[in-house]
Every structure is written in structure tokens, then in C-alpha cells.
Amino acid sequence: MPQNKFALARYSVIDAMLRRNDYVKTSSIVKKCIESTGYKVSARTIQLDIEAMRYDPFLGYNAPISYNSRHKAYYYEDRSYMLYPF
């Protein structure tokens, strides 16, 4: 089964984790995505998902996600941002 089928589910998991925590490591996102979807996900897939959430004009999320090299984790620059505001 293609991994893209679960892309929206992964985006939701990433958004929820970034809203709840100050900093989120890729490995913890991978674990949570596996729990949520039941399918194996690589760290590279999560990194590509984050890049898509930030820059993909088709998705239009323009998520303010940044990487903190000191913590080696991702975070929201704008804490009030929500992927799905409804």
C-alpha cells in the first residue's frame, strides 16, 4: 500500500505533537505515526512531510515549523498556528 495514502494522517500527527510540545524529535513523530496508522514510516518520510507542510504550494499549509539544532528537534515558531483551524 502506498505511503502517500496516509500523508494527511501523518500531517495531523505532526501538527498535534508540535502544538502539544515545545520541541519534537523526528523519532518520536515516527513512533506516534506508526501507532496511529499501523504502518511503518521512516524518519526520512517524516522529514519530507515536514518540508511539504512548510513549503508545498499545493498543500498551502505554510506551517511555521523550524528546526532547533541545539535540541535536535522541530518546533512551531508561531505557537498559535493550527493546521486545521476548524
Protein backbone atom coordinates (compact mmCIF):
# COMPACT_ATOMS: atom_id res chain seq x y z
CA MET A 1 0.00 0.00 0.00
CA PRO A 2 1.45 3.42 -0.90
CA GLN A 3 2.66 5.61 1.95
CA ASN A 4 1.04 8.69 0.42
CA LYS A 5 -2.35 7.32 1.38
CA PHE A 6 -1.53 8.14 5.00
CA ALA A 7 0.07 11.53 4.37
CA LEU A 8 -2.88 13.50 5.79
CA ALA A 9 -2.90 11.30 8.89
CA ARG A 10 0.84 11.95 9.35
CA TYR A 11 0.32 15.71 8.90
CA SER A 12 -2.31 15.62 11.65
CA VAL A 13 0.00 13.71 13.99
CA ILE A 14 2.88 16.12 13.31
CA ASP A 15 0.64 19.13 13.91
CA ALA A 16 -0.79 17.72 17.14
CA MET A 17 2.65 16.87 18.52
CA LEU A 18 4.09 20.28 17.65
CA ARG A 19 1.15 22.06 19.29
CA ARG A 20 1.40 20.00 22.49
CA ASN A 21 5.19 20.06 22.95
CA ASP A 22 7.85 22.73 22.77
CA TYR A 23 10.27 20.53 20.81
CA VAL A 24 9.57 17.26 18.98
CA LYS A 25 12.20 14.84 17.71
CA THR A 26 11.74 13.01 14.43
CA SER A 27 12.00 9.63 16.17
CA SER A 28 9.04 10.39 18.45
CA ILE A 29 6.96 11.51 15.45
CA VAL A 30 7.82 8.23 13.69
CA LYS A 31 6.67 6.20 16.71
CA LYS A 32 3.41 8.13 17.02
CA CYS A 33 2.68 7.80 13.28
CA ILE A 34 3.24 4.05 13.43
CA GLU A 35 0.85 3.83 16.40
CA SER A 36 -1.76 5.94 14.58
CA THR A 37 -1.68 4.35 11.12
CA GLY A 38 -0.43 0.86 11.86
CA TYR A 39 2.08 1.11 9.00
CA LYS A 40 5.83 1.54 9.09
CA VAL A 41 7.10 5.07 8.45
CA SER A 42 10.72 6.15 8.08
CA ALA A 43 12.38 9.21 9.56
CA ARG A 44 13.04 10.43 6.03
CA THR A 45 9.31 10.28 5.24
CA ILE A 46 8.59 12.45 8.29
CA GLN A 47 11.26 14.94 7.24
CA LEU A 48 9.74 15.12 3.76
CA ASP A 49 6.28 15.58 5.28
CA ILE A 50 7.54 18.48 7.37
CA GLU A 51 9.12 20.08 4.31
CA ALA A 52 5.85 19.65 2.42
CA MET A 53 3.91 21.22 5.28
CA ARG A 54 6.28 24.18 5.21
CA TYR A 55 6.81 24.82 1.51
CA ASP A 56 4.42 22.88 -0.75
CA PRO A 57 2.23 25.44 -2.54
CA PHE A 58 -0.31 22.76 -3.49
CA LEU A 59 -0.99 21.95 0.17
CA GLY A 60 -0.95 25.63 1.14
CA TYR A 61 -0.29 24.94 4.84
CA ASN A 62 2.77 27.23 5.06
CA ALA A 63 3.38 25.80 8.51
CA PRO A 64 5.85 27.83 10.60
CA ILE A 65 7.93 24.78 11.51
CA SER A 66 11.60 25.30 12.37
CA TYR A 67 14.43 23.05 13.45
CA ASN A 68 16.41 23.75 16.61
CA SER A 69 19.90 22.28 16.26
CA ARG A 70 20.60 22.60 19.98
CA HIS A 71 17.63 20.38 20.87
CA LYS A 72 17.83 18.46 17.58
CA ALA A 73 14.08 18.78 17.27
CA TYR A 74 11.31 20.61 15.43
CA TYR A 75 9.02 23.28 16.85
CA TYR A 76 6.36 25.78 15.79
CA GLU A 77 7.69 29.34 15.52
CA ASP A 78 4.13 30.61 15.92
CA ARG A 79 2.58 28.74 18.87
CA SER A 80 -0.94 29.79 17.84
CA TYR A 81 -0.70 28.10 14.40
CA MET A 82 -3.16 25.29 13.71
CA LEU A 83 -3.11 23.06 10.65
CA TYR A 84 -6.88 22.62 10.70
CA PRO A 85 -8.38 25.72 12.38
CA PHE A 86 -11.96 24.40 12.26
